[in-house]
């Protein structure tokens, strides 16, 4: 084997090694670029935290007190309506008596 053939074979081998080194360098650069990329933000709005058990108990208590107050108010309206109806009947009866006595 002559020096020329040996040199040619070494040149081809070096060229192959250079190509492999270039490919490895490209893969490493791609990995570095992927590692440097920032992940996209999931969302931009502020999530409102949920209510605690104490808040729900407070809301439930307020609804109960409001319901009882509303019921008492309707009972007062009903009692007032019955009172007005009884008053109207009594006044009508008195008016009828006055009309009969006046004749």
Protein backbone atom coordinates (compact mmCIF):
# COMPACT_ATOMS: atom_id res chain seq x y z
CA UNK A 1 0.00 0.00 0.00
CA UNK A 2 1.47 3.21 -1.07
CA UNK A 3 1.61 6.42 0.83
CA UNK A 4 -0.83 7.95 -1.62
CA UNK A 5 -3.45 5.26 -1.01
CA UNK A 6 -2.90 5.51 2.72
CA UNK A 7 -3.31 9.28 2.59
CA UNK A 8 -6.48 8.96 0.49
CA UNK A 9 -7.99 6.46 2.93
CA UNK A 10 -7.11 8.70 5.89
CA UNK A 11 -8.68 11.69 4.11
CA UNK A 12 -11.94 9.79 3.51
CA UNK A 13 -12.00 8.63 7.13
CA UNK A 14 -11.35 12.15 8.37
CA UNK A 15 -14.12 13.48 6.16
CA UNK A 16 -16.52 10.91 7.64
CA UNK A 17 -15.42 11.82 11.16
CA UNK A 18 -15.85 15.53 10.40
CA UNK A 19 -19.39 14.92 9.11
CA UNK A 20 -20.24 12.93 12.27
CA UNK A 21 -18.84 15.67 14.48
CA UNK A 22 -20.90 18.27 12.59
CA UNK A 23 -24.07 16.20 13.05
CA UNK A 24 -23.38 15.78 16.75
CA UNK A 25 -22.78 19.52 17.11
CA UNK A 26 -26.07 20.27 15.30
CA UNK A 27 -27.99 17.90 17.60
CA UNK A 28 -26.44 19.51 20.68
CA UNK A 29 -27.35 22.99 19.43
CA UNK A 30 -30.93 21.89 18.78
CA UNK A 31 -31.18 20.49 22.31
CA UNK A 32 -29.85 23.73 23.77
CA UNK A 33 -32.37 25.78 21.79
CA UNK A 34 -35.23 23.59 22.98
CA UNK A 35 -34.05 23.89 26.58
CA UNK A 36 -33.87 27.70 26.32
CA UNK A 37 -37.39 28.17 24.96
CA UNK A 38 -39.82 29.56 27.51
CA UNK A 39 -43.05 27.60 27.97
CA UNK A 40 -46.17 29.47 26.87
CA UNK A 41 -48.18 30.90 29.77
CA UNK A 42 -51.26 28.81 30.53
CA UNK A 43 -53.67 31.70 31.06
CA UNK A 44 -53.54 35.42 31.75
CA UNK A 45 -56.54 35.95 34.07
CA UNK A 46 -56.47 35.72 37.81
CA UNK A 47 -58.47 32.79 39.13
CA UNK A 48 -60.81 33.66 41.95
CA UNK A 49 -60.24 31.45 44.98
CA UNK A 50 -63.15 29.32 46.15
CA UNK A 51 -65.21 30.11 49.21
CA UNK A 52 -64.26 28.59 52.54
CA UNK A 53 -66.62 26.59 54.73
CA UNK A 54 -67.09 29.57 57.06
CA UNK A 55 -68.19 31.77 54.18
CA UNK A 56 -70.72 29.16 53.03
CA UNK A 57 -72.08 28.86 56.59
CA UNK A 58 -72.42 32.63 56.76
CA UNK A 59 -74.25 32.76 53.45
CA UNK A 60 -76.55 29.91 54.53
CA UNK A 61 -77.29 31.67 57.83
CA UNK A 62 -78.08 34.92 56.06
CA UNK A 63 -80.45 33.14 53.68
CA UNK A 64 -82.21 31.43 56.60
CA UNK A 65 -82.62 34.66 58.56
CA UNK A 66 -83.85 36.43 55.42
CA UNK A 67 -86.34 33.65 54.72
CA UNK A 68 -87.73 33.79 58.26
CA UNK A 69 -87.99 37.58 58.03
CA UNK A 70 -89.82 37.32 54.72
CA UNK A 71 -92.24 34.74 56.15
CA UNK A 72 -92.98 36.95 59.15
CA UNK A 73 -93.59 39.87 56.81
CA UNK A 74 -96.09 37.85 54.76
CA UNK A 75 -97.84 36.72 57.95
CA UNK A 76 -98.14 40.37 59.04
CA UNK A 77 -99.64 41.28 55.66
CA UNK A 78 -102.13 38.40 55.95
CA UNK A 79 -103.17 39.44 59.50
CA UNK A 80 -103.57 43.04 58.32
CA UNK A 81 -105.72 41.94 55.38
CA UNK A 82 -108.00 39.86 57.62
CA UNK A 83 -108.29 42.78 60.05
CA UNK A 84 -109.30 45.14 57.27
CA UNK A 85 -111.86 42.64 56.00
CA UNK A 86 -113.38 42.24 59.49
CA UNK A 87 -113.43 46.04 59.93
CA UNK A 88 -115.22 46.42 56.60
CA UNK A 89 -117.85 43.85 57.61
CA UNK A 90 -118.40 45.54 60.99
CA UNK A 91 -118.71 49.00 59.42
CA UNK A 92 -121.12 47.66 56.80
CA UNK A 93 -123.27 46.11 59.52
CA UNK A 94 -123.23 49.34 61.54
CA UNK A 95 -124.15 51.36 58.44
CA UNK A 96 -127.02 49.01 57.74
CA UNK A 97 -128.26 49.46 61.34
CA UNK A 98 -128.04 53.22 61.07
CA UNK A 99 -129.98 53.16 57.80
CA UNK A 100 -132.76 50.99 59.29
CA UNK A 101 -133.13 53.10 62.44
CA UNK A 102 -133.23 56.29 60.44
CA UNK A 103 -136.42 55.29 58.54
